[in-house]
PDB file of all heavy atoms in Angstrom:
ATOM      1  N   LEU A   1       0.826  -1.205   0.000  1.00  0.00           N
ATOM      2  CA  LEU A   1       0.000   0.000   0.000  1.00  0.00           C
ATOM      3  C   LEU A   1       0.862   1.258   0.000  1.00  0.00           C
ATOM      4  O   LEU A   1       0.521   2.270  -0.628  1.00  0.00           O
ATOM      5  CB  LEU A   1      -0.928  -0.001   1.224  1.00  0.00           C
ATOM      6  CG  LEU A   1      -2.086  -1.004   1.206  1.00  0.00           C
ATOM      7  CD1 LEU A   1      -2.831  -0.978   2.537  1.00  0.00           C
ATOM      8  CD2 LEU A   1      -3.051  -0.694   0.060  1.00  0.00           C
ATOM      9  N   ALA A   2       1.990   1.202   0.698  1.00  0.00           N
ATOM     10  CA  ALA A   2       2.894   2.360   0.711  1.00  0.00           C
ATOM     11  C   ALA A   2       3.469   2.634  -0.665  1.00  0.00           C
ATOM     12  O   ALA A   2       3.744   3.796  -1.022  1.00  0.00           O
ATOM     13  CB  ALA A   2       4.015   2.124   1.728  1.00  0.00           C
ATOM     14  N   HIS A   3       3.640   1.569  -1.473  1.00  0.00           N
ATOM     15  CA  HIS A   3       4.187   1.726  -2.822  1.00  0.00           C
ATOM     16  C   HIS A   3       3.103   1.827  -3.892  1.00  0.00           C
ATOM     17  O   HIS A   3       3.407   1.919  -5.085  1.00  0.00           O
ATOM     18  CB  HIS A   3       5.117   0.552  -3.153  1.00  0.00           C
ATOM     19  CG  HIS A   3       6.385   0.549  -2.346  1.00  0.00           C
ATOM     20  ND1 HIS A   3       6.485  -0.082  -1.123  1.00  0.00           N
ATOM     21  CD2 HIS A   3       7.611   1.108  -2.587  1.00  0.00           C
ATOM     22  CE1 HIS A   3       7.716   0.074  -0.642  1.00  0.00           C
ATOM     23  NE2 HIS A   3       8.420   0.801  -1.505  1.00  0.00           N
ATOM     24  N   GLY A   4       1.851   1.768  -3.463  1.00  0.00           N
ATOM     25  CA  GLY A   4       0.750   1.920  -4.410  1.00  0.00           C
ATOM     26  C   GLY A   4       0.510   0.717  -5.285  1.00  0.00           C
ATOM     27  O   GLY A   4      -0.062   0.856  -6.381  1.00  0.00           O
ATOM     28  N   THR A   5       0.908  -0.466  -4.851  1.00  0.00           N
ATOM     29  CA  THR A   5       0.691  -1.679  -5.648  1.00  0.00           C
ATOM     30  C   THR A   5       0.051  -2.753  -4.776  1.00  0.00           C
ATOM     31  O   THR A   5       0.255  -2.790  -3.567  1.00  0.00           O
ATOM     32  CB  THR A   5       2.018  -2.217  -6.201  1.00  0.00           C
ATOM     33  OG1 THR A   5       2.882  -2.549  -5.090  1.00  0.00           O
ATOM     34  CG2 THR A   5       2.704  -1.198  -7.097  1.00  0.00           C
ATOM     35  N   LEU A   6      -0.734  -3.626  -5.429  1.00  0.00           N
ATOM     36  CA  LEU A   6      -1.346  -4.753  -4.755  1.00  0.00           C
ATOM     37  C   LEU A   6      -1.154  -5.998  -5.598  1.00  0.00           C
ATOM     38  O   LEU A   6      -1.076  -5.915  -6.830  1.00  0.00           O
ATOM     39  CB  LEU A   6      -2.857  -4.511  -4.538  1.00  0.00           C
ATOM     40  CG  LEU A   6      -3.249  -3.469  -3.485  1.00  0.00           C
ATOM     41  CD1 LEU A   6      -4.752  -3.244  -3.517  1.00  0.00           C
ATOM     42  CD2 LEU A   6      -2.801  -3.902  -2.097  1.00  0.00           C
ATOM     43  N   PRO A   7      -1.060  -7.168  -4.974  1.00  0.00           N
ATOM     44  CA  PRO A   7      -0.893  -8.400  -5.747  1.00  0.00           C
ATOM     45  C   PRO A   7      -2.135  -8.701  -6.580  1.00  0.00           C
ATOM     46  O   PRO A   7      -3.235  -8.216  -6.293  1.00  0.00           O
ATOM     47  CB  PRO A   7      -0.678  -9.468  -4.666  1.00  0.00           C
ATOM     48  CG  PRO A   7      -1.305  -8.903  -3.448  1.00  0.00           C
ATOM     49  CD  PRO A   7      -1.096  -7.436  -3.524  1.00  0.00           C
ATOM     50  N   ALA A   8      -1.953  -9.485  -7.604  1.00  0.00           N
ATOM     51  CA  ALA A   8      -3.059  -9.854  -8.482  1.00  0.00           C
ATOM     52  C   ALA A   8      -4.129 -10.604  -7.698  1.00  0.00           C
ATOM     53  O   ALA A   8      -3.827 -11.454  -6.855  1.00  0.00           O
ATOM     54  CB  ALA A   8      -2.542 -10.730  -9.623  1.00  0.00           C
ATOM     55  N   GLY A   9      -5.378 -10.293  -7.968  1.00  0.00           N
ATOM     56  CA  GLY A   9      -6.489 -10.968  -7.313  1.00  0.00           C
ATOM     57  C   GLY A   9      -6.944 -10.321  -6.025  1.00  0.00           C
ATOM     58  O   GLY A   9      -7.887 -10.800  -5.394  1.00  0.00           O
ATOM     59  N   MET A  10      -6.267  -9.252  -5.614  1.00  0.00           N
ATOM     60  CA  MET A  10      -6.680  -8.584  -4.376  1.00  0.00           C
ATOM     61  C   MET A  10      -7.387  -7.288  -4.713  1.00  0.00           C
ATOM     62  O   MET A  10      -6.812  -6.399  -5.369  1.00  0.00           O
ATOM     63  CB  MET A  10      -5.467  -8.300  -3.491  1.00  0.00           C
ATOM     64  CG  MET A  10      -5.860  -7.753  -2.115  1.00  0.00           C
ATOM     65  SD  MET A  10      -4.491  -7.791  -0.941  1.00  0.00           S
ATOM     66  CE  MET A  10      -5.359  -7.404   0.576  1.00  0.00           C
ATOM     67  N   GLY A  11      -8.661  -7.183  -4.317  1.00  0.00           N
ATOM     68  CA  GLY A  11      -9.448  -6.001  -4.626  1.00  0.00           C
ATOM     69  C   GLY A  11     -10.046  -5.356  -3.398  1.00  0.00           C
ATOM     70  O   GLY A  11      -9.635  -5.600  -2.254  1.00  0.00           O
ATOM     71  N   ALA A  12     -11.078  -4.566  -3.630  1.00  0.00           N
ATOM     72  CA  ALA A  12     -11.702  -3.799  -2.550  1.00  0.00           C
ATOM     73  C   ALA A  12     -12.349  -4.716  -1.511  1.00  0.00           C
ATOM     74  O   ALA A  12     -12.333  -4.411  -0.311  1.00  0.00           O
ATOM     75  CB  ALA A  12     -12.740  -2.846  -3.134  1.00  0.00           C
ATOM     76  N   ILE A  13     -12.927  -5.830  -1.958  1.00  0.00           N
ATOM     77  CA  ILE A  13     -13.569  -6.747  -1.013  1.00  0.00           C
ATOM     78  C   ILE A  13     -12.543  -7.309  -0.034  1.00  0.00           C
ATOM     79  O   ILE A  13     -12.788  -7.402   1.176  1.00  0.00           O
ATOM     80  CB  ILE A  13     -14.280  -7.887  -1.761  1.00  0.00           C
ATOM     81  CG1 ILE A  13     -15.465  -7.330  -2.564  1.00  0.00           C
ATOM     82  CG2 ILE A  13     -14.749  -8.959  -0.782  1.00  0.00           C
ATOM     83  CD1 ILE A  13     -16.183  -8.370  -3.372  1.00  0.00           C
ATOM     84  N   HIS A  14     -11.371  -7.664  -0.568  1.00  0.00           N
ATOM     85  CA  HIS A  14     -10.325  -8.218   0.293  1.00  0.00           C
ATOM     86  C   HIS A  14      -9.829  -7.180   1.297  1.00  0.00           C
ATOM     87  O   HIS A  14      -9.618  -7.485   2.482  1.00  0.00           O
ATOM     88  CB  HIS A  14      -9.162  -8.734  -0.557  1.00  0.00           C
ATOM     89  CG  HIS A  14      -9.548  -9.852  -1.474  1.00  0.00           C
ATOM     90  ND1 HIS A  14     -10.042  -9.622  -2.729  1.00  0.00           N
ATOM     91  CD2 HIS A  14      -9.512 -11.198  -1.303  1.00  0.00           C
ATOM     92  CE1 HIS A  14     -10.284 -10.784  -3.313  1.00  0.00           C
ATOM     93  NE2 HIS A  14      -9.978 -11.756  -2.466  1.00  0.00           N
ATOM     94  N   LEU A  15      -9.651  -5.944   0.821  1.00  0.00           N
ATOM     95  CA  LEU A  15      -9.237  -4.878   1.728  1.00  0.00           C
ATOM     96  C   LEU A  15     -10.313  -4.620   2.785  1.00  0.00           C
ATOM     97  O   LEU A  15     -10.001  -4.335   3.943  1.00  0.00           O
ATOM     98  CB  LEU A  15      -8.950  -3.598   0.937  1.00  0.00           C
ATOM     99  CG  LEU A  15      -7.721  -3.626   0.045  1.00  0.00           C
ATOM    100  CD1 LEU A  15      -7.629  -2.332  -0.759  1.00  0.00           C
ATOM    101  CD2 LEU A  15      -6.446  -3.823   0.869  1.00  0.00           C
ATOM    102  N   GLY A  16     -11.579  -4.745   2.368  1.00  0.00           N
ATOM    103  CA  GLY A  16     -12.674  -4.568   3.312  1.00  0.00           C
ATOM    104  C   GLY A  16     -12.658  -5.625   4.404  1.00  0.00           C
ATOM    105  O   GLY A  16     -12.926  -5.328   5.573  1.00  0.00           O
ATOM    106  N   LEU A  17     -12.332  -6.875   4.026  1.00  0.00           N
ATOM    107  CA  LEU A  17     -12.252  -7.941   5.028  1.00  0.00           C
ATOM    108  C   LEU A  17     -11.131  -7.679   6.026  1.00  0.00           C
ATOM    109  O   LEU A  17     -11.288  -7.931   7.231  1.00  0.00           O
ATOM    110  CB  LEU A  17     -12.035  -9.288   4.334  1.00  0.00           C
ATOM    111  CG  LEU A  17     -13.252  -9.862   3.595  1.00  0.00           C
ATOM    112  CD1 LEU A  17     -12.839 -11.063   2.750  1.00  0.00           C
ATOM    113  CD2 LEU A  17     -14.336 -10.268   4.602  1.00  0.00           C
ATOM    114  N   VAL A  18     -10.002  -7.182   5.528  1.00  0.00           N
ATOM    115  CA  VAL A  18      -8.912  -6.815   6.445  1.00  0.00           C
ATOM    116  C   VAL A  18      -9.389  -5.712   7.398  1.00  0.00           C
ATOM    117  O   VAL A  18      -9.112  -5.744   8.602  1.00  0.00           O
ATOM    118  CB  VAL A  18      -7.669  -6.362   5.655  1.00  0.00           C
ATOM    119  CG1 VAL A  18      -6.588  -5.861   6.618  1.00  0.00           C
ATOM    120  CG2 VAL A  18      -7.125  -7.503   4.809  1.00  0.00           C
ATOM    121  N   GLY A  19     -10.133  -4.748   6.844  1.00  0.00           N
ATOM    122  CA  GLY A  19     -10.675  -3.682   7.685  1.00  0.00           C
ATOM    123  C   GLY A  19     -11.648  -4.198   8.731  1.00  0.00           C
ATOM    124  O   GLY A  19     -11.680  -3.707   9.863  1.00  0.00           O
ATOM    125  N   VAL A  20     -12.445  -5.208   8.349  1.00  0.00           N
ATOM    126  CA  VAL A  20     -13.368  -5.812   9.313  1.00  0.00           C
ATOM    127  C   VAL A  20     -12.592  -6.415  10.477  1.00  0.00           C
ATOM    128  O   VAL A  20     -12.972  -6.275  11.648  1.00  0.00           O
ATOM    129  CB  VAL A  20     -14.237  -6.885   8.631  1.00  0.00           C
ATOM    130  CG1 VAL A  20     -14.979  -7.721   9.672  1.00  0.00           C
ATOM    131  CG2 VAL A  20     -15.235  -6.221   7.684  1.00  0.00           C
ATOM    132  N   GLY A  21     -11.487  -7.086  10.187  1.00  0.00           N
ATOM    133  CA  GLY A  21     -10.668  -7.669  11.249  1.00  0.00           C
ATOM    134  C   GLY A  21     -10.148  -6.608  12.203  1.00  0.00           C
ATOM    135  O   GLY A  21     -10.212  -6.778  13.431  1.00  0.00           O
ATOM    136  N   PHE A  22      -9.639  -5.511  11.624  1.00  0.00           N
ATOM    137  CA  PHE A  22      -9.174  -4.422  12.490  1.00  0.00           C
ATOM    138  C   PHE A  22     -10.337  -3.805  13.261  1.00  0.00           C
ATOM    139  O   PHE A  22     -10.180  -3.391  14.416  1.00  0.00           O
ATOM    140  CB  PHE A  22      -8.468  -3.350  11.652  1.00  0.00           C
ATOM    141  CG  PHE A  22      -7.045  -3.679  11.324  1.00  0.00           C
ATOM    142  CD1 PHE A  22      -6.672  -3.978  10.017  1.00  0.00           C
ATOM    143  CD2 PHE A  22      -6.070  -3.705  12.304  1.00  0.00           C
ATOM    144  CE1 PHE A  22      -5.354  -4.290   9.705  1.00  0.00           C
ATOM    145  CE2 PHE A  22      -4.749  -4.007  12.002  1.00  0.00           C
ATOM    146  CZ  PHE A  22      -4.392  -4.299  10.706  1.00  0.00           C
ATOM    147  N   GLY A  23     -11.509  -3.752  12.630  1.00  0.00           N
ATOM    148  CA  GLY A  23     -12.678  -3.206  13.313  1.00  0.00           C
ATOM    149  C   GLY A  23     -13.084  -4.046  14.512  1.00  0.00           C
ATOM    150  O   GLY A  23     -13.431  -3.509  15.568  1.00  0.00           O
ATOM    151  N   ILE A  24     -13.040  -5.379  14.339  1.00  0.00           N
ATOM    152  CA  ILE A  24     -13.353  -6.257  15.475  1.00  0.00           C
ATOM    153  C   ILE A  24     -12.365  -6.021  16.605  1.00  0.00           C
ATOM    154  O   ILE A  24     -12.744  -5.940  17.781  1.00  0.00           O
ATOM    155  CB  ILE A  24     -13.330  -7.727  15.022  1.00  0.00           C
ATOM    156  CG1 ILE A  24     -14.497  -8.009  14.074  1.00  0.00           C
ATOM    157  CG2 ILE A  24     -13.391  -8.670  16.231  1.00  0.00           C
ATOM    158  CD1 ILE A  24     -14.454  -9.377  13.437  1.00  0.00           C
ATOM    159  N   GLY A  25     -11.088  -5.904  16.261  1.00  0.00           N
ATOM    160  CA  GLY A  25     -10.085  -5.626  17.286  1.00  0.00           C
ATOM    161  C   GLY A  25     -10.338  -4.300  17.987  1.00  0.00           C
ATOM    162  O   GLY A  25     -10.197  -4.196  19.210  1.00  0.00           O
ATOM    163  N   ALA A  26     -10.734  -3.286  17.196  1.00  0.00           N
ATOM    164  CA  ALA A  26     -11.010  -1.977  17.785  1.00  0.00           C
ATOM    165  C   ALA A  26     -12.215  -2.037  18.720  1.00  0.00           C
ATOM    166  O   ALA A  26     -12.213  -1.414  19.792  1.00  0.00           O
ATOM    167  CB  ALA A  26     -11.249  -0.954  16.681  1.00  0.00           C
ATOM    168  N   VAL A  27     -13.248  -2.802  18.324  1.00  0.00           N
ATOM    169  CA  VAL A  27     -14.433  -2.938  19.177  1.00  0.00           C
ATOM    170  C   VAL A  27     -14.072  -3.625  20.483  1.00  0.00           C
ATOM    171  O   VAL A  27     -14.471  -3.189  21.577  1.00  0.00           O
ATOM    172  CB  VAL A  27     -15.542  -3.713  18.442  1.00  0.00           C
ATOM    173  CG1 VAL A  27     -16.654  -4.110  19.407  1.00  0.00           C
ATOM    174  CG2 VAL A  27     -16.114  -2.870  17.311  1.00  0.00           C
ATOM    175  N   LEU A  28     -13.314  -4.724  20.396  1.00  0.00           N
ATOM    176  CA  LEU A  28     -12.934  -5.453  21.610  1.00  0.00           C
ATOM    177  C   LEU A  28     -12.069  -4.587  22.525  1.00  0.00           C
ATOM    178  O   LEU A  28     -12.267  -4.566  23.745  1.00  0.00           O
ATOM    179  CB  LEU A  28     -12.187  -6.734  21.239  1.00  0.00           C
ATOM    180  CG  LEU A  28     -13.017  -7.808  20.514  1.00  0.00           C
ATOM    181  CD1 LEU A  28     -12.130  -8.983  20.106  1.00  0.00           C
ATOM    182  CD2 LEU A  28     -14.155  -8.293  21.394  1.00  0.00           C
ATOM    183  N   LEU A  29     -11.107  -3.888  21.935  1.00  0.00           N
ATOM    184  CA  LEU A  29     -10.247  -3.015  22.744  1.00  0.00           C
ATOM    185  C   LEU A  29     -11.055  -1.872  23.335  1.00  0.00           C
ATOM    186  O   LEU A  29     -10.895  -1.526  24.518  1.00  0.00           O
ATOM    187  CB  LEU A  29      -9.107  -2.475  21.887  1.00  0.00           C
ATOM    188  CG  LEU A  29      -8.133  -1.510  22.583  1.00  0.00           C
ATOM    189  CD1 LEU A  29      -7.447  -2.209  23.754  1.00  0.00           C
ATOM    190  CD2 LEU A  29      -7.097  -0.985  21.585  1.00  0.00           C
ATOM    191  N   GLY A  30     -11.939  -1.289  22.514  1.00  0.00           N
ATOM    192  CA  GLY A  30     -12.742  -0.168  22.995  1.00  0.00           C
ATOM    193  C   GLY A  30     -13.669  -0.555  24.131  1.00  0.00           C
ATOM    194  O   GLY A  30     -13.794   0.178  25.123  1.00  0.00           O
ATOM    195  N   THR A  31     -14.324  -1.715  24.012  1.00  0.00           N
ATOM    196  CA  THR A  31     -15.226  -2.143  25.088  1.00  0.00           C
ATOM    197  C   THR A  31     -14.444  -2.481  26.356  1.00  0.00           C
ATOM    198  O   THR A  31     -14.927  -2.243  27.468  1.00  0.00           O
ATOM    199  CB  THR A  31     -16.056  -3.365  24.647  1.00  0.00           C
ATOM    200  OG1 THR A  31     -15.188  -4.394  24.155  1.00  0.00           O
ATOM    201  CG2 THR A  31     -17.055  -2.990  23.587  1.00  0.00           C
ATOM    202  N   THR A  32     -13.234  -3.014  26.197  1.00  0.00           N
ATOM    203  CA  THR A  32     -12.403  -3.295  27.376  1.00  0.00           C
ATOM    204  C   THR A  32     -12.034  -2.000  28.081  1.00  0.00           C
ATOM    205  O   THR A  32     -12.119  -1.898  29.311  1.00  0.00           O
ATOM    206  CB  THR A  32     -11.134  -4.060  26.970  1.00  0.00           C
ATOM    207  OG1 THR A  32     -11.503  -5.289  26.339  1.00  0.00           O
ATOM    208  CG2 THR A  32     -10.270  -4.356  28.185  1.00  0.00           C
ATOM    209  N   VAL A  33     -11.632  -0.998  27.306  1.00  0.00           N
ATOM    210  CA  VAL A  33     -11.264   0.295  27.893  1.00  0.00           C
ATOM    211  C   VAL A  33     -12.472   0.941  28.556  1.00  0.00           C
ATOM    212  O   VAL A  33     -12.378   1.473  29.671  1.00  0.00           O
ATOM    213  CB  VAL A  33     -10.664   1.218  26.821  1.00  0.00           C
ATOM    214  CG1 VAL A  33     -10.475   2.632  27.368  1.00  0.00           C
ATOM    215  CG2 VAL A  33      -9.325   0.667  26.338  1.00  0.00           C
ATOM    216  N   ARG A  34     -13.636   0.889  27.893  1.00  0.00           N
ATOM    217  CA  ARG A  34     -14.834   1.486  28.480  1.00  0.00           C
ATOM    218  C   ARG A  34     -15.264   0.756  29.747  1.00  0.00           C
ATOM    219  O   ARG A  34     -15.695   1.384  30.721  1.00  0.00           O
ATOM    220  CB  ARG A  34     -15.979   1.484  27.458  1.00  0.00           C
ATOM    221  CG  ARG A  34     -15.815   2.495  26.343  1.00  0.00           C
ATOM    222  CD  ARG A  34     -17.133   2.755  25.632  1.00  0.00           C
ATOM    223  NE  ARG A  34     -17.682   1.542  25.039  1.00  0.00           N
ATOM    224  CZ  ARG A  34     -17.374   1.093  23.833  1.00  0.00           C
ATOM    225  NH1 ARG A  34     -16.511   1.762  23.089  1.00  0.00           N
ATOM    226  NH2 ARG A  34     -17.924  -0.012  23.354  1.00  0.00           N
ATOM    227  N   SER A  35     -15.153  -0.579  29.729  1.00  0.00           N
ATOM    228  CA  SER A  35     -15.506  -1.349  30.925  1.00  0.00           C
ATOM    229  C   SER A  35     -14.572  -1.009  32.079  1.00  0.00           C
ATOM    230  O   SER A  35     -15.012  -0.862  33.229  1.00  0.00           O
ATOM    231  CB  SER A  35     -15.438  -2.852  30.620  1.00  0.00           C
ATOM    232  OG  SER A  35     -16.381  -3.214  29.636  1.00  0.00           O
ATOM    233  N   LEU A  36     -13.275  -0.890  31.781  1.00  0.00           N
ATOM    234  CA  LEU A  36     -12.312  -0.521  32.818  1.00  0.00           C
ATOM    235  C   LEU A  36     -12.597   0.872  33.349  1.00  0.00           C
ATOM    236  O   LEU A  36     -12.581   1.107  34.565  1.00  0.00           O
ATOM    237  CB  LEU A  36     -10.893  -0.596  32.252  1.00  0.00           C
ATOM    238  CG  LEU A  36      -9.763  -0.181  33.203  1.00  0.00           C
ATOM    239  CD1 LEU A  36      -9.742  -1.085  34.433  1.00  0.00           C
ATOM    240  CD2 LEU A  36      -8.414  -0.236  32.488  1.00  0.00           C
ATOM    241  N   HIS A  37     -12.896   1.801  32.439  1.00  0.00           N
ATOM    242  CA  HIS A  37     -13.182   3.177  32.850  1.00  0.00           C
ATOM    243  C   HIS A  37     -14.427   3.233  33.727  1.00  0.00           C
ATOM    244  O   HIS A  37     -14.451   3.931  34.759  1.00  0.00           O
ATOM    245  CB  HIS A  37     -13.363   4.056  31.622  1.00  0.00           C
ATOM    246  CG  HIS A  37     -13.739   5.474  31.936  1.00  0.00           C
ATOM    247  ND1 HIS A  37     -12.878   6.363  32.532  1.00  0.00           N
ATOM    248  CD2 HIS A  37     -14.912   6.154  31.751  1.00  0.00           C
ATOM    249  CE1 HIS A  37     -13.480   7.525  32.692  1.00  0.00           C
ATOM    250  NE2 HIS A  37     -14.712   7.423  32.247  1.00  0.00           N
ATOM    251  N   ALA A  38     -15.479   2.488  33.335  1.00  0.00           N
ATOM    252  CA  ALA A  38     -16.711   2.483  34.118  1.00  0.00           C
ATOM    253  C   ALA A  38     -16.474   1.901  35.506  1.00  0.00           C
ATOM    254  O   ALA A  38     -16.996   2.416  36.509  1.00  0.00           O
ATOM    255  CB  ALA A  38     -17.788   1.687  33.378  1.00  0.00           C
ATOM    256  N   ALA A  39     -15.670   0.816  35.580  1.00  0.00           N
ATOM    257  CA  ALA A  39     -15.387   0.200  36.875  1.00  0.00           C
ATOM    258  C   ALA A  39     -14.583   1.138  37.768  1.00  0.00           C
ATOM    259  O   ALA A  39     -14.888   1.300  38.956  1.00  0.00           O
ATOM    260  CB  ALA A  39     -14.641  -1.116  36.674  1.00  0.00           C
ATOM    261  N   VAL A  40     -13.554   1.762  37.195  1.00  0.00           N
ATOM    262  CA  VAL A  40     -12.717   2.681  37.977  1.00  0.00           C
ATOM    263  C   VAL A  40     -13.536   3.877  38.457  1.00  0.00           C
ATOM    264  O   VAL A  40     -13.400   4.319  39.610  1.00  0.00           O
ATOM    265  CB  VAL A  40     -11.512   3.147  37.138  1.00  0.00           C
ATOM    266  CG1 VAL A  40     -10.771   4.285  37.842  1.00  0.00           C
ATOM    267  CG2 VAL A  40     -10.561   1.983  36.878  1.00  0.00           C
ATOM    268  N   ARG A  41     -14.412   4.384  37.594  1.00  0.00           N
ATOM    269  CA  ARG A  41     -15.246   5.528  37.984  1.00  0.00           C
ATOM    270  C   ARG A  41     -16.203   5.159  39.107  1.00  0.00           C
ATOM    271  O   ARG A  41     -16.368   5.914  40.075  1.00  0.00           O
ATOM    272  CB  ARG A  41     -16.030   6.026  36.764  1.00  0.00           C
ATOM    273  CG  ARG A  41     -16.838   7.296  37.020  1.00  0.00           C
ATOM    274  CD  ARG A  41     -17.424   7.812  35.724  1.00  0.00           C
ATOM    275  NE  ARG A  41     -18.215   6.769  35.062  1.00  0.00           N
ATOM    276  CZ  ARG A  41     -18.734   6.891  33.842  1.00  0.00           C
ATOM    277  NH1 ARG A  41     -18.508   7.995  33.141  1.00  0.00           N
ATOM    278  NH2 ARG A  41     -19.446   5.925  33.313  1.00  0.00           N
ATOM    279  N   ALA A  42     -16.832   3.967  39.002  1.00  0.00           N
ATOM    280  CA  ALA A  42     -17.737   3.524  40.066  1.00  0.00           C
ATOM    281  C   ALA A  42     -16.983   3.307  41.372  1.00  0.00           C
ATOM    282  O   ALA A  42     -17.468   3.665  42.456  1.00  0.00           O
ATOM    283  CB  ALA A  42     -18.441   2.237  39.640  1.00  0.00           C
ATOM    284  N   GLN A  43     -15.782   2.727  41.271  1.00  0.00           N
ATOM    285  CA  GLN A  43     -14.978   2.504  42.474  1.00  0.00           C
ATOM    286  C   GLN A  43     -14.556   3.816  43.105  1.00  0.00           C
ATOM    287  O   GLN A  43     -14.571   3.958  44.335  1.00  0.00           O
ATOM    288  CB  GLN A  43     -13.755   1.660  42.126  1.00  0.00           C
ATOM    289  CG  GLN A  43     -14.087   0.224  41.747  1.00  0.00           C
ATOM    290  CD  GLN A  43     -12.951  -0.459  41.021  1.00  0.00           C
ATOM    291  OE1 GLN A  43     -11.848   0.083  40.905  1.00  0.00           O
ATOM    292  NE2 GLN A  43     -13.208  -1.652  40.504  1.00  0.00           N
ATOM    293  N   ARG A  44     -14.199   4.796  42.277  1.00  0.00           N
ATOM    294  CA  ARG A  44     -13.779   6.094  42.822  1.00  0.00           C
ATOM    295  C   ARG A  44     -14.944   6.789  43.527  1.00  0.00           C
ATOM    296  O   ARG A  44     -14.783   7.347  44.623  1.00  0.00           O
ATOM    297  CB  ARG A  44     -13.245   6.984  41.698  1.00  0.00           C
ATOM    298  CG  ARG A  44     -12.708   8.327  42.198  1.00  0.00           C
ATOM    299  CD  ARG A  44     -12.251   9.217  41.055  1.00  0.00           C
ATOM    300  NE  ARG A  44     -11.170   8.602  40.311  1.00  0.00           N
ATOM    301  CZ  ARG A  44     -11.242   8.263  39.017  1.00  0.00           C
ATOM    302  NH1 ARG A  44     -12.371   8.468  38.351  1.00  0.00           N
ATOM    303  NH2 ARG A  44     -10.221   7.736  38.406  1.00  0.00           N
TER     304      ARG A  44
END
């Protein structure tokens, strides 16, 4: 991607699937952070 080239057979759908994977990771990390923040706030 930095060089502006992609291997043959890789298109927008494939890039979208990679994005979905990162999105799942972001959701899991985000909910963990929010859960921790909510717990710390309630404890405080």
